[in-house]
C-alpha atoms as a PDB file:
ATOM      1  CA  MET A   1     -18.583 -12.584  -5.413  1.00  0.00           C
ATOM      2  CA  ARG A   2     -17.344  -9.958  -7.877  1.00  0.00           C
ATOM      3  CA  PRO A   3     -14.922  -7.517  -6.205  1.00  0.00           C
ATOM      4  CA  HIS A   4     -16.472  -4.054  -5.894  1.00  0.00           C
ATOM      5  CA  LEU A   5     -14.304  -1.171  -7.126  1.00  0.00           C
ATOM      6  CA  ALA A   6     -14.750   2.561  -6.620  1.00  0.00           C
ATOM      7  CA  LEU A   7     -13.539   4.452  -9.697  1.00  0.00           C
ATOM      8  CA  ILE A   8     -13.046   8.111  -8.756  1.00  0.00           C
ATOM      9  CA  GLU A   9     -12.255   9.909 -12.009  1.00  0.00           C
ATOM     10  CA  ASP A  10     -13.497  13.172 -13.539  1.00  0.00           C
ATOM     11  CA  ASP A  11     -12.605  12.366 -17.176  1.00  0.00           C
ATOM     12  CA  SER A  12     -15.874  10.823 -18.362  1.00  0.00           C
ATOM     13  CA  ASP A  13     -14.476   9.256 -21.543  1.00  0.00           C
ATOM     14  CA  PHE A  14     -11.602   7.663 -19.672  1.00  0.00           C
ATOM     15  CA  ALA A  15     -13.860   6.544 -16.807  1.00  0.00           C
ATOM     16  CA  LEU A  16     -16.406   4.937 -19.126  1.00  0.00           C
ATOM     17  CA  MET A  17     -13.646   3.089 -20.940  1.00  0.00           C
ATOM     18  CA  CYS A  18     -12.173   1.853 -17.640  1.00  0.00           C
ATOM     19  CA  ARG A  19     -15.532   0.850 -16.200  1.00  0.00           C
ATOM     20  CA  SER A  20     -16.468  -1.117 -19.304  1.00  0.00           C
ATOM     21  CA  TYR A  21     -13.150  -2.982 -19.354  1.00  0.00           C
ATOM     22  CA  LEU A  22     -13.161  -3.658 -15.593  1.00  0.00           C
ATOM     23  CA  GLU A  23     -16.708  -4.986 -15.665  1.00  0.00           C
ATOM     24  CA  ARG A  24     -15.783  -7.357 -18.489  1.00  0.00           C
ATOM     25  CA  ALA A  25     -12.809  -8.454 -16.376  1.00  0.00           C
ATOM     26  CA  GLY A  26     -15.135  -9.524 -13.566  1.00  0.00           C
ATOM     27  CA  PHE A  27     -15.433  -6.483 -11.310  1.00  0.00           C
ATOM     28  CA  THR A  28     -18.396  -4.447 -10.118  1.00  0.00           C
ATOM     29  CA  VAL A  29     -17.613  -0.753 -10.602  1.00  0.00           C
ATOM     30  CA  THR A  30     -19.137   2.337  -8.995  1.00  0.00           C
ATOM     31  CA  TRP A  31     -18.032   5.515 -10.762  1.00  0.00           C
ATOM     32  CA  ALA A  32     -17.738   8.847  -8.947  1.00  0.00           C
ATOM     33  CA  MET A  33     -16.888  12.029 -10.896  1.00  0.00           C
ATOM     34  CA  ASP A  34     -15.532  14.152  -8.030  1.00  0.00           C
ATOM     35  CA  ALA A  35     -14.150  14.031  -4.485  1.00  0.00           C
ATOM     36  CA  ARG A  36     -17.526  14.542  -2.834  1.00  0.00           C
ATOM     37  CA  ALA A  37     -19.188  11.657  -4.657  1.00  0.00           C
ATOM     38  CA  GLY A  38     -16.044   9.578  -4.199  1.00  0.00           C
ATOM     39  CA  LYS A  39     -16.086  10.112  -0.455  1.00  0.00           C
ATOM     40  CA  SER A  40     -19.717   9.000  -0.258  1.00  0.00           C
ATOM     41  CA  THR A  41     -18.927   5.898  -2.288  1.00  0.00           C
ATOM     42  CA  LEU A  42     -15.935   4.993  -0.141  1.00  0.00           C
ATOM     43  CA  TYR A  43     -17.636   5.505   3.200  1.00  0.00           C
ATOM     44  CA  GLU A  44     -21.157   4.300   2.432  1.00  0.00           C
ATOM     45  CA  GLY A  45     -20.631   1.431   0.006  1.00  0.00           C
ATOM     46  CA  ARG A  46     -18.993  -1.938   0.466  1.00  0.00           C
ATOM     47  CA  VAL A  47     -15.918  -1.277  -1.625  1.00  0.00           C
ATOM     48  CA  ASP A  48     -12.976  -3.688  -1.949  1.00  0.00           C
ATOM     49  CA  LEU A  49     -10.568  -1.281  -3.695  1.00  0.00           C
ATOM     50  CA  ALA A  50     -10.486   2.301  -4.941  1.00  0.00           C
ATOM     51  CA  VAL A  51      -8.961   3.563  -8.188  1.00  0.00           C
ATOM     52  CA  LEU A  52      -8.380   7.250  -7.444  1.00  0.00           C
ATOM     53  CA  ASP A  53      -7.435  10.116  -9.754  1.00  0.00           C
ATOM     54  CA  LEU A  54      -5.407  12.884  -8.074  1.00  0.00           C
ATOM     55  CA  GLY A  55      -6.793  15.745 -10.154  1.00  0.00           C
ATOM     56  CA  LEU A  56     -10.459  16.135  -9.186  1.00  0.00           C
ATOM     57  CA  PRO A  57     -12.612  19.208  -9.937  1.00  0.00           C
ATOM     58  CA  ASP A  58     -13.639  19.846  -6.334  1.00  0.00           C
ATOM     59  CA  GLY A  59     -10.457  18.960  -4.461  1.00  0.00           C
ATOM     60  CA  SER A  60      -7.235  17.020  -4.398  1.00  0.00           C
ATOM     61  CA  GLY A  61      -7.252  13.263  -4.629  1.00  0.00           C
ATOM     62  CA  LEU A  62      -4.344  13.326  -2.181  1.00  0.00           C
ATOM     63  CA  GLU A  63      -6.546  15.012   0.417  1.00  0.00           C
ATOM     64  CA  LEU A  64      -9.246  12.406  -0.132  1.00  0.00           C
ATOM     65  CA  LEU A  65      -6.641   9.657   0.286  1.00  0.00           C
ATOM     66  CA  ARG A  66      -5.288  11.292   3.442  1.00  0.00           C
ATOM     67  CA  ALA A  67      -8.775  11.475   4.956  1.00  0.00           C
ATOM     68  CA  LEU A  68      -9.457   7.856   4.033  1.00  0.00           C
ATOM     69  CA  ARG A  69      -6.193   6.660   5.579  1.00  0.00           C
ATOM     70  CA  SER A  70      -7.109   8.240   8.916  1.00  0.00           C
ATOM     71  CA  THR A  71      -9.890   5.677   9.312  1.00  0.00           C
ATOM     72  CA  SER A  72      -9.387   2.858   6.798  1.00  0.00           C
ATOM     73  CA  ARG A  73      -6.841   0.556   5.180  1.00  0.00           C
ATOM     74  CA  LEU A  74      -8.951   0.129   2.045  1.00  0.00           C
ATOM     75  CA  PRO A  75      -6.594  -0.696  -0.870  1.00  0.00           C
ATOM     76  CA  VAL A  76      -6.085   2.317  -3.166  1.00  0.00           C
ATOM     77  CA  ILE A  77      -4.456   2.564  -6.579  1.00  0.00           C
ATOM     78  CA  VAL A  78      -3.705   6.144  -7.608  1.00  0.00           C
ATOM     79  CA  VAL A  79      -3.945   6.989 -11.322  1.00  0.00           C
ATOM     80  CA  THR A  80      -3.141  10.388 -12.775  1.00  0.00           C
ATOM     81  CA  GLY A  81      -1.707  12.233 -15.723  1.00  0.00           C
ATOM     82  CA  ARG A  82       0.896  13.783 -13.474  1.00  0.00           C
ATOM     83  CA  GLY A  83       4.278  12.159 -13.981  1.00  0.00           C
ATOM     84  CA  ALA A  84       6.211  14.188 -11.411  1.00  0.00           C
ATOM     85  CA  GLU A  85       8.147  12.145  -8.879  1.00  0.00           C
ATOM     86  CA  ALA A  86       6.848  14.364  -6.073  1.00  0.00           C
ATOM     87  CA  ASP A  87       3.254  13.319  -6.832  1.00  0.00           C
ATOM     88  CA  ARG A  88       4.168   9.638  -6.882  1.00  0.00           C
ATOM     89  CA  VAL A  89       6.065   9.912  -3.596  1.00  0.00           C
ATOM     90  CA  ALA A  90       3.263  11.911  -1.936  1.00  0.00           C
ATOM     91  CA  GLY A  91       0.628   9.342  -2.878  1.00  0.00           C
ATOM     92  CA  LEU A  92       2.737   6.412  -1.708  1.00  0.00           C
ATOM     93  CA  GLU A  93       3.761   8.110   1.532  1.00  0.00           C
ATOM     94  CA  ILE A  94       0.147   8.906   2.389  1.00  0.00           C
ATOM     95  CA  GLY A  95      -0.693   5.249   1.896  1.00  0.00           C
ATOM     96  CA  ALA A  96      -1.525   4.430  -1.722  1.00  0.00           C
ATOM     97  CA  ASP A  97      -0.920   0.756  -2.470  1.00  0.00           C
ATOM     98  CA  ASP A  98       0.129   1.318  -6.084  1.00  0.00           C
ATOM     99  CA  TYR A  99       0.481   4.093  -8.665  1.00  0.00           C
ATOM    100  CA  LEU A 100      -0.169   4.320 -12.406  1.00  0.00           C
ATOM    101  CA  VAL A 101       0.650   7.260 -14.671  1.00  0.00           C
ATOM    102  CA  LYS A 102      -1.609   7.902 -17.671  1.00  0.00           C
ATOM    103  CA  PRO A 103      -1.587   6.710 -20.349  1.00  0.00           C
ATOM    104  CA  PHE A 104      -1.531   3.031 -19.388  1.00  0.00           C
ATOM    105  CA  SER A 105      -3.121  -0.112 -20.767  1.00  0.00           C
ATOM    106  CA  GLN A 106      -6.361  -1.445 -19.325  1.00  0.00           C
ATOM    107  CA  ARG A 107      -4.720  -4.862 -19.017  1.00  0.00           C
ATOM    108  CA  GLU A 108      -2.062  -3.370 -16.751  1.00  0.00           C
ATOM    109  CA  LEU A 109      -4.717  -1.706 -14.603  1.00  0.00           C
ATOM    110  CA  VAL A 110      -6.530  -5.031 -14.163  1.00  0.00           C
ATOM    111  CA  ALA A 111      -3.249  -6.784 -13.308  1.00  0.00           C
ATOM    112  CA  ARG A 112      -2.368  -4.127 -10.720  1.00  0.00           C
ATOM    113  CA  ILE A 113      -5.842  -4.319  -9.157  1.00  0.00           C
ATOM    114  CA  ARG A 114      -5.681  -8.085  -8.840  1.00  0.00           C
ATOM    115  CA  ALA A 115      -2.168  -7.939  -7.362  1.00  0.00           C
ATOM    116  CA  VAL A 116      -3.188  -5.351  -4.744  1.00  0.00           C
ATOM    117  CA  LEU A 117      -6.319  -7.324  -3.831  1.00  0.00           C
ATOM    118  CA  ARG A 118      -4.223 -10.466  -3.331  1.00  0.00           C
ATOM    119  CA  ARG A 119      -1.788  -8.629  -1.064  1.00  0.00           C
ATOM    120  CA  SER A 120      -4.580  -7.066   0.959  1.00  0.00           C
ATOM    121  CA  GLN A 121      -6.304 -10.344   1.809  1.00  0.00           C
ATOM    122  CA  PRO A 122      -6.128 -10.992   5.565  1.00  0.00           C
ATOM    123  CA  PRO A 123      -4.484 -14.204   6.753  1.00  0.00           C
ATOM    124  CA  GLU A 124      -6.862 -17.115   7.285  1.00  0.00           C
ATOM    125  CA  THR A 125      -5.706 -17.425  10.883  1.00  0.00           C
ATOM    126  CA  PRO A 126      -4.552 -14.372  12.869  1.00  0.00           C
ATOM    127  CA  THR A 127      -0.847 -14.739  13.608  1.00  0.00           C
ATOM    128  CA  VAL A 128       1.432 -13.120  16.134  1.00  0.00           C
ATOM    129  CA  LEU A 129       5.127 -13.118  15.265  1.00  0.00           C
ATOM    130  CA  GLN A 130       7.385 -12.961  18.321  1.00  0.00           C
ATOM    131  CA  ILE A 131      11.096 -12.237  17.844  1.00  0.00           C
ATOM    132  CA  GLY A 132      12.760 -11.435  21.149  1.00  0.00           C
ATOM    133  CA  SER A 133      10.914  -8.512  22.683  1.00  0.00           C
ATOM    134  CA  LEU A 134       9.287  -7.595  19.361  1.00  0.00           C
ATOM    135  CA  ARG A 135       5.677  -8.646  18.873  1.00  0.00           C
ATOM    136  CA  VAL A 136       4.145  -8.289  15.391  1.00  0.00           C
ATOM    137  CA  ASP A 137       0.375  -8.779  15.316  1.00  0.00           C
ATOM    138  CA  THR A 138      -0.457  -9.484  11.674  1.00  0.00           C
ATOM    139  CA  ALA A 139      -4.221  -9.410  12.314  1.00  0.00           C
ATOM    140  CA  ALA A 140      -4.153  -5.939  13.879  1.00  0.00           C
ATOM    141  CA  ARG A 141      -1.204  -4.872  11.668  1.00  0.00           C
ATOM    142  CA  GLN A 142       0.629  -3.558  14.713  1.00  0.00           C
ATOM    143  CA  ALA A 143       4.083  -4.030  16.189  1.00  0.00           C
ATOM    144  CA  SER A 144       5.030  -3.539  19.821  1.00  0.00           C
ATOM    145  CA  SER A 145       7.704  -4.264  22.422  1.00  0.00           C
ATOM    146  CA  GLU A 146       7.112  -4.571  26.160  1.00  0.00           C
ATOM    147  CA  GLY A 147       3.756  -2.829  25.713  1.00  0.00           C
ATOM    148  CA  PHE A 148       5.234   0.029  23.678  1.00  0.00           C
ATOM    149  CA  LEU A 149       3.417   0.394  20.339  1.00  0.00           C
ATOM    150  CA  LEU A 150       5.461   1.372  17.295  1.00  0.00           C
ATOM    151  CA  THR A 151       4.043   4.119  15.102  1.00  0.00           C
ATOM    152  CA  LEU A 152       4.585   2.770  11.606  1.00  0.00           C
ATOM    153  CA  ARG A 153       3.547   3.937   8.164  1.00  0.00           C
ATOM    154  CA  PRO A 154       1.797   1.267   6.048  1.00  0.00           C
ATOM    155  CA  LYS A 155       4.882   0.364   4.018  1.00  0.00           C
ATOM    156  CA  GLU A 156       7.100   0.385   7.113  1.00  0.00           C
ATOM    157  CA  TYR A 157       4.780  -2.096   8.790  1.00  0.00           C
ATOM    158  CA  ALA A 158       4.670  -4.270   5.663  1.00  0.00           C
ATOM    159  CA  LEU A 159       8.475  -4.300   5.549  1.00  0.00           C
ATOM    160  CA  LEU A 160       8.751  -5.249   9.219  1.00  0.00           C
ATOM    161  CA  GLU A 161       6.141  -7.998   8.923  1.00  0.00           C
ATOM    162  CA  LEU A 162       7.855  -9.544   5.897  1.00  0.00           C
ATOM    163  CA  LEU A 163      11.264  -9.574   7.606  1.00  0.00           C
ATOM    164  CA  ALA A 164       9.809 -10.802  10.915  1.00  0.00           C
ATOM    165  CA  ALA A 165       8.038 -13.695   9.197  1.00  0.00           C
ATOM    166  CA  ALA A 166      11.437 -15.076   8.127  1.00  0.00           C
ATOM    167  CA  PRO A 167      14.093 -13.928  10.626  1.00  0.00           C
ATOM    168  CA  GLY A 168      17.600 -14.542   9.361  1.00  0.00           C
ATOM    169  CA  ARG A 169      16.523 -14.766   5.727  1.00  0.00           C
ATOM    170  CA  VAL A 170      18.081 -12.271   3.331  1.00  0.00           C
ATOM    171  CA  PHE A 171      15.735 -10.380   1.010  1.00  0.00           C
ATOM    172  CA  SER A 172      17.125  -8.449  -1.942  1.00  0.00           C
ATOM    173  CA  ALA A 173      15.924  -4.920  -2.690  1.00  0.00           C
ATOM    174  CA  GLU A 174      14.182  -6.270  -5.804  1.00  0.00           C
ATOM    175  CA  GLN A 175      12.299  -8.886  -3.756  1.00  0.00           C
ATOM    176  CA  LEU A 176      11.190  -6.260  -1.237  1.00  0.00           C
ATOM    177  CA  LEU A 177      10.033  -3.911  -3.999  1.00  0.00           C
ATOM    178  CA  GLU A 178       7.980  -6.669  -5.619  1.00  0.00           C
ATOM    179  CA  ARG A 179       6.443  -8.048  -2.426  1.00  0.00           C
ATOM    180  CA  ILE A 180       5.707  -4.777  -0.636  1.00  0.00           C
ATOM    181  CA  TRP A 181       5.272  -2.217  -3.393  1.00  0.00           C
ATOM    182  CA  GLY A 182       4.258  -4.662  -6.128  1.00  0.00           C
ATOM    183  CA  ALA A 183       5.908  -2.421  -8.708  1.00  0.00           C
ATOM    184  CA  SER A 184       9.180  -2.956 -10.509  1.00  0.00           C
ATOM    185  CA  TRP A 185       9.391   0.742 -11.493  1.00  0.00           C
ATOM    186  CA  GLN A 186      10.261   1.731  -7.938  1.00  0.00           C
ATOM    187  CA  GLN A 187      13.923   2.480  -7.256  1.00  0.00           C
ATOM    188  CA  PRO A 188      16.112   0.654  -4.663  1.00  0.00           C
ATOM    189  CA  ALA A 189      16.409   4.021  -2.884  1.00  0.00           C
ATOM    190  CA  THR A 190      12.795   3.504  -1.795  1.00  0.00           C
ATOM    191  CA  VAL A 191      13.839   0.387   0.136  1.00  0.00           C
ATOM    192  CA  ILE A 192      16.918   2.102   1.582  1.00  0.00           C
ATOM    193  CA  GLU A 193      14.814   4.991   2.908  1.00  0.00           C
ATOM    194  CA  HIS A 194      12.208   2.710   4.510  1.00  0.00           C
ATOM    195  CA  VAL A 195      14.879   0.477   6.081  1.00  0.00           C
ATOM    196  CA  TYR A 196      16.556   3.590   7.523  1.00  0.00           C
ATOM    197  CA  ARG A 197      13.294   4.810   9.071  1.00  0.00           C
ATOM    198  CA  LEU A 198      12.391   1.392  10.448  1.00  0.00           C
ATOM    199  CA  ARG A 199      15.841   0.928  11.983  1.00  0.00           C
ATOM    200  CA  GLY A 200      15.480   4.230  13.798  1.00  0.00           C
ATOM    201  CA  LYS A 201      12.107   3.252  15.247  1.00  0.00           C
ATOM    202  CA  LEU A 202      13.338  -0.179  16.372  1.00  0.00           C
ATOM    203  CA  ALA A 203      16.376   1.446  18.008  1.00  0.00           C
ATOM    204  CA  ARG A 204      14.119   3.687  20.115  1.00  0.00           C
ATOM    205  CA  LEU A 205      12.215   0.788  21.684  1.00  0.00           C
ATOM    206  CA  PRO A 206      12.537   0.538  25.481  1.00  0.00           C
ATOM    207  CA  ALA A 207      13.717  -3.091  25.339  1.00  0.00           C
ATOM    208  CA  PRO A 208      16.412  -4.589  23.082  1.00  0.00           C
ATOM    209  CA  ALA A 209      14.738  -5.434  19.775  1.00  0.00           C
ATOM    210  CA  PRO A 210      15.748  -7.308  16.617  1.00  0.00           C
ATOM    211  CA  ARG A 211      17.858  -5.319  14.182  1.00  0.00           C
ATOM    212  CA  ILE A 212      17.820  -5.061  10.411  1.00  0.00           C
ATOM    213  CA  THR A 213      21.197  -6.102   9.051  1.00  0.00           C
ATOM    214  CA  THR A 214      22.510  -5.053   5.651  1.00  0.00           C
ATOM    215  CA  VAL A 215      24.147  -7.956   3.849  1.00  0.00           C
ATOM    216  CA  ARG A 216      26.379  -6.152   1.388  1.00  0.00           C
ATOM    217  CA  GLY A 217      25.748  -7.175  -2.183  1.00  0.00           C
ATOM    218  CA  TYR A 218      22.662  -9.223  -1.266  1.00  0.00           C
ATOM    219  CA  GLY A 219      20.029  -7.311   0.708  1.00  0.00           C
ATOM    220  CA  TYR A 220      18.563  -7.182   4.213  1.00  0.00           C
ATOM    221  CA  ARG A 221      17.654  -9.581   7.001  1.00  0.00           C
ATOM    222  CA  LEU A 222      16.136  -9.323  10.479  1.00  0.00           C
ATOM    223  CA  ASP A 223      18.439 -10.602  13.224  1.00  0.00           C
ATOM    224  CA  PRO A 224      17.050 -11.440  16.699  1.00  0.00           C
END
């Protein structure tokens, strides 16, 4: 089946160009011109991924993303003419899976969409990763220890799952950026910040839990 995309964009010329290119690339596209129509599309239609503009005439795309993330893990790629770092960080922290700043090529948009869809596919068989007291449920996308559930942001969970799937293996910052963020334009500081947050949450668990070790000059690994 053709993946169904929601294109939420108020620039009609840009939206028509995107929709035409995406449909030729093998996608079904529903176009919404504002936040209200976008919300209806996201909640009422069977959508596989949303391409969301931040600057909408009847509200902020960030607010729409925040509302969506309270109930859904639908993959979202944010596109906007805003190049400010604060906008990029806000979208990613709320839960966007990728970010593109206009202008960009249609080929890049298609490549980003396909990459995000691949990463969002659920495992064929639900898997529970158990490292010491830490239990990572990859089907439910939750981590817990001795019945205590960790409160993790989407990228924090993705980082923990990747490390827990290969305990003892060292991942470089570049590998983590590519596998979790899927974007080479991100800075290593993004990884450092997320590792710092995740370490703090693991340290607060009631039972001894695995720890994230920094291997100087190489990257990070999860030690039991």
